[in-house]
Amino acid sequence: TAVEIVRLDKNFDEVRVDSPVPSGVYGGQVCFDGTVWDNLCFNHYTVKYRPSGGAFNQVDPLFPTYTSAKINQSFAMWDTIDLGIPDGLYEMQVHGETGCGNVAEETFNVIVDNTPPTASISSPIGCDYVEGIVPIVGTANDQNLTSWTLQYTGGGLSGWTTINSGTTPVVNDVLGTWNTTALSSCAYTLRLVAYDSAIMNCGPPARQWSEDTVSVNVGFCGDFD
């Protein structure tokens, strides 16, 4: 009598990507989290990217293949800055394979955005004297803009007070009107902060943002009688 024990391998058990999410916007270091696992005959997996219509490349050239299964873990990292990845749309491919050649695969698109939003105040300019109702002109813009906030501080105030905010781009136009009639004559600082939807780097989610500040004076620059 001769006995031979074999394993029947019909499929690769699971490829599941929890992060990044399809159609998400990312920048910096993009971490891949989820499961790439086979119960009996796991052999390897690969994680690749390509621009629309291009050839696939490994997200980490030092690891063309990964030979350890992952369950609810981080399983790859794509450094879009070190690799010089231009902003744009990319197709991602996570491919798992067993020793018998059975495969499972997940593909999806993400957007790379390593360009911070534009945040600039063009009027008033630094050291201006202003009074009354003051229009604040500038730009808050980005291809993936999510929000912007215009604020001021100074005089006897502590912290930032919001003048106006929005979720749509403003390009060389009025960001808000600043009512200075109740403010004491003193120096004040205006601040514009703009955020886009790019999730930057691994770890706790952090959005990409920019800010611009301008310091002005409220009141007349001299006394006249």
C-alpha atoms as a PDB file:
ATOM      1  CA  THR A   1       0.000   0.000   0.000  1.00  0.00           C
ATOM      2  CA  ALA A   2       1.230   3.472  -0.889  1.00  0.00           C
ATOM      3  CA  VAL A   3      -0.419   6.665   0.389  1.00  0.00           C
ATOM      4  CA  GLU A   4       0.164  10.118  -1.024  1.00  0.00           C
ATOM      5  CA  ILE A   5      -1.380  13.219   0.534  1.00  0.00           C
ATOM      6  CA  VAL A   6      -1.983  16.131  -1.811  1.00  0.00           C
ATOM      7  CA  ARG A   7      -3.653  19.512  -1.519  1.00  0.00           C
ATOM      8  CA  LEU A   8      -6.449  20.515  -3.834  1.00  0.00           C
ATOM      9  CA  ASP A   9      -5.989  24.157  -4.798  1.00  0.00           C
ATOM     10  CA  LYS A  10      -8.927  25.601  -6.736  1.00  0.00           C
ATOM     11  CA  ASN A  11      -8.539  29.334  -6.099  1.00  0.00           C
ATOM     12  CA  PHE A  12      -6.690  32.077  -4.266  1.00  0.00           C
ATOM     13  CA  ASP A  13      -8.728  32.717  -1.131  1.00  0.00           C
ATOM     14  CA  GLU A  14      -8.804  36.493  -0.706  1.00  0.00           C
ATOM     15  CA  VAL A  15      -7.510  39.778  -2.038  1.00  0.00           C
ATOM     16  CA  ARG A  16      -9.192  42.705  -0.280  1.00  0.00           C
ATOM     17  CA  VAL A  17      -7.936  46.295  -0.331  1.00  0.00           C
ATOM     18  CA  ASP A  18      -9.338  48.489   2.439  1.00  0.00           C
ATOM     19  CA  SER A  19      -7.085  51.449   1.677  1.00  0.00           C
ATOM     20  CA  PRO A  20      -6.548  53.289  -0.618  1.00  0.00           C
ATOM     21  CA  VAL A  21     -10.165  53.444  -1.716  1.00  0.00           C
ATOM     22  CA  PRO A  22     -11.338  53.554  -5.342  1.00  0.00           C
ATOM     23  CA  SER A  23     -11.358  57.093  -6.795  1.00  0.00           C
ATOM     24  CA  GLY A  24      -9.622  58.428  -3.669  1.00  0.00           C
ATOM     25  CA  VAL A  25      -7.157  61.313  -3.834  1.00  0.00           C
ATOM     26  CA  TYR A  26      -3.731  60.661  -2.285  1.00  0.00           C
ATOM     27  CA  GLY A  27      -0.274  62.170  -2.004  1.00  0.00           C
ATOM     28  CA  GLY A  28       3.103  61.463  -0.436  1.00  0.00           C
ATOM     29  CA  GLN A  29       3.419  57.923   0.867  1.00  0.00           C
ATOM     30  CA  VAL A  30       0.333  55.837   0.061  1.00  0.00           C
ATOM     31  CA  CYS A  31      -0.102  52.792   2.320  1.00  0.00           C
ATOM     32  CA  PHE A  32      -2.014  49.717   1.166  1.00  0.00           C
ATOM     33  CA  ASP A  33      -4.033  48.045   3.930  1.00  0.00           C
ATOM     34  CA  GLY A  34      -6.196  44.937   3.804  1.00  0.00           C
ATOM     35  CA  THR A  35      -5.842  41.193   3.207  1.00  0.00           C
ATOM     36  CA  VAL A  36      -3.844  39.167   0.678  1.00  0.00           C
ATOM     37  CA  TRP A  37      -4.096  35.554   1.848  1.00  0.00           C
ATOM     38  CA  ASP A  38      -4.535  31.933   0.847  1.00  0.00           C
ATOM     39  CA  ASN A  39      -5.184  29.186   3.389  1.00  0.00           C
ATOM     40  CA  LEU A  40      -3.191  26.331   1.832  1.00  0.00           C
ATOM     41  CA  CYS A  41      -0.909  27.246  -1.041  1.00  0.00           C
ATOM     42  CA  PHE A  42       0.002  30.923  -0.772  1.00  0.00           C
ATOM     43  CA  ASN A  43       2.982  31.770  -2.938  1.00  0.00           C
ATOM     44  CA  HIS A  44       3.277  35.547  -3.482  1.00  0.00           C
ATOM     45  CA  TYR A  45       1.512  38.791  -4.300  1.00  0.00           C
ATOM     46  CA  THR A  46       2.391  41.939  -6.256  1.00  0.00           C
ATOM     47  CA  VAL A  47       1.212  45.543  -6.014  1.00  0.00           C
ATOM     48  CA  LYS A  48       1.526  47.649  -9.156  1.00  0.00           C
ATOM     49  CA  TYR A  49       0.407  50.910 -10.704  1.00  0.00           C
ATOM     50  CA  ARG A  50       0.145  52.424 -14.155  1.00  0.00           C
ATOM     51  CA  PRO A  51      -1.082  55.616 -15.765  1.00  0.00           C
ATOM     52  CA  SER A  52      -4.005  55.320 -18.152  1.00  0.00           C
ATOM     53  CA  GLY A  53      -2.930  53.066 -21.006  1.00  0.00           C
ATOM     54  CA  GLY A  54       0.618  52.617 -19.692  1.00  0.00           C
ATOM     55  CA  ALA A  55       2.587  49.626 -18.473  1.00  0.00           C
ATOM     56  CA  PHE A  56       2.313  48.378 -14.882  1.00  0.00           C
ATOM     57  CA  ASN A  57       5.184  49.103 -12.487  1.00  0.00           C
ATOM     58  CA  GLN A  58       5.829  47.928  -8.933  1.00  0.00           C
ATOM     59  CA  VAL A  59       4.806  50.453  -6.272  1.00  0.00           C
ATOM     60  CA  ASP A  60       8.086  49.607  -4.510  1.00  0.00           C
ATOM     61  CA  PRO A  61      10.912  48.677  -6.901  1.00  0.00           C
ATOM     62  CA  LEU A  62      12.780  46.997  -4.020  1.00  0.00           C
ATOM     63  CA  PHE A  63       9.921  44.472  -3.645  1.00  0.00           C
ATOM     64  CA  PRO A  64       8.758  43.249  -7.070  1.00  0.00           C
ATOM     65  CA  THR A  65       7.005  40.392  -5.203  1.00  0.00           C
ATOM     66  CA  TYR A  66       5.919  39.870  -1.587  1.00  0.00           C
ATOM     67  CA  THR A  67       6.130  36.332  -0.214  1.00  0.00           C
ATOM     68  CA  SER A  68       4.311  36.682   3.130  1.00  0.00           C
ATOM     69  CA  ALA A  69       0.529  36.625   3.332  1.00  0.00           C
ATOM     70  CA  LYS A  70      -1.183  39.546   5.099  1.00  0.00           C
ATOM     71  CA  ILE A  71      -4.488  39.535   6.993  1.00  0.00           C
ATOM     72  CA  ASN A  72      -5.942  42.929   7.966  1.00  0.00           C
ATOM     73  CA  GLN A  73      -2.510  44.534   7.768  1.00  0.00           C
ATOM     74  CA  SER A  74      -0.492  47.041   5.833  1.00  0.00           C
ATOM     75  CA  PHE A  75       0.907  45.109   2.885  1.00  0.00           C
ATOM     76  CA  ALA A  76       2.653  47.669   0.631  1.00  0.00           C
ATOM     77  CA  MET A  77       3.694  51.314   0.417  1.00  0.00           C
ATOM     78  CA  TRP A  78       3.817  53.574  -2.654  1.00  0.00           C
ATOM     79  CA  ASP A  79       6.069  56.611  -2.242  1.00  0.00           C
ATOM     80  CA  THR A  80       4.720  58.908  -4.947  1.00  0.00           C
ATOM     81  CA  ILE A  81       7.223  61.667  -4.144  1.00  0.00           C
ATOM     82  CA  ASP A  82      10.434  59.587  -4.161  1.00  0.00           C
ATOM     83  CA  LEU A  83       9.310  57.891  -7.376  1.00  0.00           C
ATOM     84  CA  GLY A  84       8.491  61.272  -8.964  1.00  0.00           C
ATOM     85  CA  ILE A  85       4.907  60.281  -9.796  1.00  0.00           C
ATOM     86  CA  PRO A  86       3.165  63.136 -11.663  1.00  0.00           C
ATOM     87  CA  ASP A  87      -0.270  64.244 -10.514  1.00  0.00           C
ATOM     88  CA  GLY A  88      -3.052  62.401 -12.304  1.00  0.00           C
ATOM     89  CA  LEU A  89      -5.202  59.267 -12.533  1.00  0.00           C
ATOM     90  CA  TYR A  90      -3.603  55.851 -11.955  1.00  0.00           C
ATOM     91  CA  GLU A  91      -4.817  52.264 -12.078  1.00  0.00           C
ATOM     92  CA  MET A  92      -3.743  50.130  -9.122  1.00  0.00           C
ATOM     93  CA  GLN A  93      -3.438  46.330  -9.261  1.00  0.00           C
ATOM     94  CA  VAL A  94      -3.114  43.964  -6.281  1.00  0.00           C
ATOM     95  CA  HIS A  95      -2.471  40.425  -7.534  1.00  0.00           C
ATOM     96  CA  GLY A  96      -2.214  37.277  -5.385  1.00  0.00           C
ATOM     97  CA  GLU A  97      -1.058  33.882  -6.624  1.00  0.00           C
ATOM     98  CA  THR A  98      -0.899  30.353  -5.196  1.00  0.00           C
ATOM     99  CA  GLY A  99       1.778  27.723  -5.791  1.00  0.00           C
ATOM    100  CA  CYS A 100      -0.501  26.102  -8.365  1.00  0.00           C
ATOM    101  CA  GLY A 101      -0.921  29.319 -10.308  1.00  0.00           C
ATOM    102  CA  ASN A 102      -4.432  30.221  -9.154  1.00  0.00           C
ATOM    103  CA  VAL A 103      -4.857  33.974  -8.812  1.00  0.00           C
ATOM    104  CA  ALA A 104      -7.075  36.634  -7.310  1.00  0.00           C
ATOM    105  CA  GLU A 105      -6.829  40.274  -8.237  1.00  0.00           C
ATOM    106  CA  GLU A 106      -8.281  43.652  -7.355  1.00  0.00           C
ATOM    107  CA  THR A 107      -7.902  46.686  -9.622  1.00  0.00           C
ATOM    108  CA  PHE A 108      -9.145  50.229  -9.059  1.00  0.00           C
ATOM    109  CA  ASN A 109      -8.261  53.826  -9.872  1.00  0.00           C
ATOM    110  CA  VAL A 110      -6.847  56.502  -7.586  1.00  0.00           C
ATOM    111  CA  ILE A 111      -5.831  60.117  -8.123  1.00  0.00           C
ATOM    112  CA  VAL A 112      -2.358  61.344  -7.160  1.00  0.00           C
ATOM    113  CA  ASP A 113      -2.244  64.976  -6.026  1.00  0.00           C
ATOM    114  CA  ASN A 114       1.018  66.265  -4.563  1.00  0.00           C
ATOM    115  CA  THR A 115       0.324  69.897  -5.480  1.00  0.00           C
ATOM    116  CA  PRO A 116      -0.826  72.006  -2.503  1.00  0.00           C
ATOM    117  CA  PRO A 117      -3.767  74.358  -3.027  1.00  0.00           C
ATOM    118  CA  THR A 118      -3.177  77.989  -4.022  1.00  0.00           C
ATOM    119  CA  ALA A 119      -3.957  80.356  -1.138  1.00  0.00           C
ATOM    120  CA  SER A 120      -3.086  84.028  -1.659  1.00  0.00           C
ATOM    121  CA  ILE A 121      -4.410  87.417  -0.510  1.00  0.00           C
ATOM    122  CA  SER A 122      -3.768  90.157  -3.083  1.00  0.00           C
ATOM    123  CA  SER A 123      -5.700  93.026  -1.476  1.00  0.00           C
ATOM    124  CA  PRO A 124      -5.175  94.629   0.959  1.00  0.00           C
ATOM    125  CA  ILE A 125      -1.390  94.390   0.873  1.00  0.00           C
ATOM    126  CA  GLY A 126       0.932  94.265   3.850  1.00  0.00           C
ATOM    127  CA  CYS A 127       1.117  97.401   6.036  1.00  0.00           C
ATOM    128  CA  ASP A 128      -1.967  98.981   4.395  1.00  0.00           C
ATOM    129  CA  TYR A 129      -4.230 101.192   6.515  1.00  0.00           C
ATOM    130  CA  VAL A 130      -7.872 100.125   6.212  1.00  0.00           C
ATOM    131  CA  GLU A 131     -11.180 101.059   7.817  1.00  0.00           C
ATOM    132  CA  GLY A 132     -14.916 100.387   7.521  1.00  0.00           C
ATOM    133  CA  ILE A 133     -16.057  97.571   5.242  1.00  0.00           C
ATOM    134  CA  VAL A 134     -12.957  96.132   3.594  1.00  0.00           C
ATOM    135  CA  PRO A 135     -13.205  93.731   0.615  1.00  0.00           C
ATOM    136  CA  ILE A 136     -10.568  91.005   0.791  1.00  0.00           C
ATOM    137  CA  VAL A 137      -9.439  89.922  -2.678  1.00  0.00           C
ATOM    138  CA  GLY A 138      -7.419  86.817  -3.448  1.00  0.00           C
ATOM    139  CA  THR A 139      -7.329  83.225  -4.666  1.00  0.00           C
ATOM    140  CA  ALA A 140      -8.273  79.912  -3.067  1.00  0.00           C
ATOM    141  CA  ASN A 141      -8.005  77.279  -5.752  1.00  0.00           C
ATOM    142  CA  ASP A 142      -7.078  73.646  -6.414  1.00  0.00           C
ATOM    143  CA  GLN A 143      -8.172  70.893  -8.784  1.00  0.00           C
ATOM    144  CA  ASN A 144      -9.358  68.918  -5.746  1.00  0.00           C
ATOM    145  CA  LEU A 145     -10.298  71.832  -3.460  1.00  0.00           C
ATOM    146  CA  THR A 146     -12.487  70.916  -0.491  1.00  0.00           C
ATOM    147  CA  SER A 147     -12.650  74.114   1.575  1.00  0.00           C
ATOM    148  CA  TRP A 148     -11.085  77.477   2.403  1.00  0.00           C
ATOM    149  CA  THR A 149     -11.360  79.876   5.354  1.00  0.00           C
ATOM    150  CA  LEU A 150     -10.585  83.606   5.644  1.00  0.00           C
ATOM    151  CA  GLN A 151      -9.797  84.802   9.181  1.00  0.00           C
ATOM    152  CA  TYR A 152      -8.264  87.643  11.167  1.00  0.00           C
ATOM    153  CA  THR A 153      -6.596  88.222  14.525  1.00  0.00           C
ATOM    154  CA  GLY A 154      -4.904  91.096  16.339  1.00  0.00           C
ATOM    155  CA  GLY A 155      -5.758  94.124  18.418  1.00  0.00           C
ATOM    156  CA  GLY A 156      -7.084  92.873  21.723  1.00  0.00           C
ATOM    157  CA  LEU A 157      -8.218  89.551  20.253  1.00  0.00           C
ATOM    158  CA  SER A 158      -6.753  86.105  20.873  1.00  0.00           C
ATOM    159  CA  GLY A 159      -7.194  83.304  18.364  1.00  0.00           C
ATOM    160  CA  TRP A 160      -8.616  83.556  14.858  1.00  0.00           C
ATOM    161  CA  THR A 161     -12.023  85.008  13.955  1.00  0.00           C
ATOM    162  CA  THR A 162     -13.618  83.802  10.709  1.00  0.00           C
ATOM    163  CA  ILE A 163     -14.595  86.424   8.133  1.00  0.00           C
ATOM    164  CA  ASN A 164     -15.836  84.013   5.468  1.00  0.00           C
ATOM    165  CA  SER A 165     -15.396  80.437   4.221  1.00  0.00           C
ATOM    166  CA  GLY A 166     -16.348  78.351   1.222  1.00  0.00           C
ATOM    167  CA  THR A 167     -16.032  75.069  -0.648  1.00  0.00           C
ATOM    168  CA  THR A 168     -15.761  76.328  -4.240  1.00  0.00           C
ATOM    169  CA  PRO A 169     -12.707  77.907  -5.899  1.00  0.00           C
ATOM    170  CA  VAL A 170     -12.202  81.679  -5.883  1.00  0.00           C
ATOM    171  CA  VAL A 171      -9.686  83.042  -8.406  1.00  0.00           C
ATOM    172  CA  ASN A 172      -8.557  86.664  -8.068  1.00  0.00           C
ATOM    173  CA  ASP A 173     -11.930  87.697  -6.695  1.00  0.00           C
ATOM    174  CA  VAL A 174     -13.531  88.811  -3.440  1.00  0.00           C
ATOM    175  CA  LEU A 175     -13.059  86.207  -0.722  1.00  0.00           C
ATOM    176  CA  GLY A 176     -15.108  88.136   1.828  1.00  0.00           C
ATOM    177  CA  THR A 177     -15.793  91.561   3.306  1.00  0.00           C
ATOM    178  CA  TRP A 178     -14.199  92.462   6.629  1.00  0.00           C
ATOM    179  CA  ASN A 179     -16.236  94.746   8.880  1.00  0.00           C
ATOM    180  CA  THR A 180     -13.689  96.737  10.882  1.00  0.00           C
ATOM    181  CA  THR A 181     -16.069  99.423  12.205  1.00  0.00           C
ATOM    182  CA  ALA A 182     -16.161  97.948  15.723  1.00  0.00           C
ATOM    183  CA  LEU A 183     -12.426  97.185  15.888  1.00  0.00           C
ATOM    184  CA  SER A 184      -9.938  99.346  17.736  1.00  0.00           C
ATOM    185  CA  SER A 185      -7.155 101.085  15.808  1.00  0.00           C
ATOM    186  CA  CYS A 186      -4.339  98.579  15.875  1.00  0.00           C
ATOM    187  CA  ALA A 187      -2.400  96.026  13.834  1.00  0.00           C
ATOM    188  CA  TYR A 188      -4.243  92.943  12.565  1.00  0.00           C
ATOM    189  CA  THR A 189      -3.314  89.874  10.536  1.00  0.00           C
ATOM    190  CA  LEU A 190      -5.480  88.335   7.823  1.00  0.00           C
ATOM    191  CA  ARG A 191      -5.107  84.624   7.099  1.00  0.00           C
ATOM    192  CA  LEU A 192      -6.389  82.525   4.187  1.00  0.00           C
ATOM    193  CA  VAL A 193      -6.212  78.727   4.546  1.00  0.00           C
ATOM    194  CA  ALA A 194      -7.133  76.365   1.675  1.00  0.00           C
ATOM    195  CA  TYR A 195      -7.477  72.564   1.829  1.00  0.00           C
ATOM    196  CA  ASP A 196      -7.723  69.927  -0.875  1.00  0.00           C
ATOM    197  CA  SER A 197      -8.976  66.342  -0.623  1.00  0.00           C
ATOM    198  CA  ALA A 198      -5.585  64.605  -0.934  1.00  0.00           C
ATOM    199  CA  ILE A 199      -4.828  62.261   1.968  1.00  0.00           C
ATOM    200  CA  MET A 200      -1.148  62.674   2.712  1.00  0.00           C
ATOM    201  CA  ASN A 201       1.157  59.879   3.886  1.00  0.00           C
ATOM    202  CA  CYS A 202       0.522  56.850   6.089  1.00  0.00           C
ATOM    203  CA  GLY A 203      -0.948  57.005   9.564  1.00  0.00           C
ATOM    204  CA  PRO A 204      -3.807  59.227  10.731  1.00  0.00           C
ATOM    205  CA  PRO A 205      -5.465  60.942   7.725  1.00  0.00           C
ATOM    206  CA  ALA A 206      -4.003  64.395   7.070  1.00  0.00           C
ATOM    207  CA  ARG A 207      -5.221  66.692   4.309  1.00  0.00           C
ATOM    208  CA  GLN A 208      -2.974  68.793   2.085  1.00  0.00           C
ATOM    209  CA  TRP A 209      -3.261  72.553   2.736  1.00  0.00           C
ATOM    210  CA  SER A 210      -1.715  75.992   2.160  1.00  0.00           C
ATOM    211  CA  GLU A 211      -2.037  79.381   3.844  1.00  0.00           C
ATOM    212  CA  ASP A 212      -1.221  83.035   3.230  1.00  0.00           C
ATOM    213  CA  THR A 213      -1.098  85.848   5.785  1.00  0.00           C
ATOM    214  CA  VAL A 214      -1.107  89.633   5.429  1.00  0.00           C
ATOM    215  CA  SER A 215      -0.664  92.130   8.277  1.00  0.00           C
ATOM    216  CA  VAL A 216      -2.520  95.472   8.051  1.00  0.00           C
ATOM    217  CA  ASN A 217      -3.467  98.421  10.239  1.00  0.00           C
ATOM    218  CA  VAL A 218      -7.037  99.362  11.104  1.00  0.00           C
ATOM    219  CA  GLY A 219      -7.596 103.126  11.366  1.00  0.00           C
ATOM    220  CA  PHE A 220      -6.098 106.278   9.864  1.00  0.00           C
ATOM    221  CA  CYS A 221      -2.348 106.530   9.440  1.00  0.00           C
ATOM    222  CA  GLY A 222      -2.423 109.970  11.143  1.00  0.00           C
ATOM    223  CA  ASP A 223      -4.627 112.588  12.885  1.00  0.00           C
ATOM    224  CA  PHE A 224      -6.036 115.563  11.009  1.00  0.00           C
ATOM    225  CA  ASP A 225      -7.801 118.658  12.376  1.00  0.00           C
END
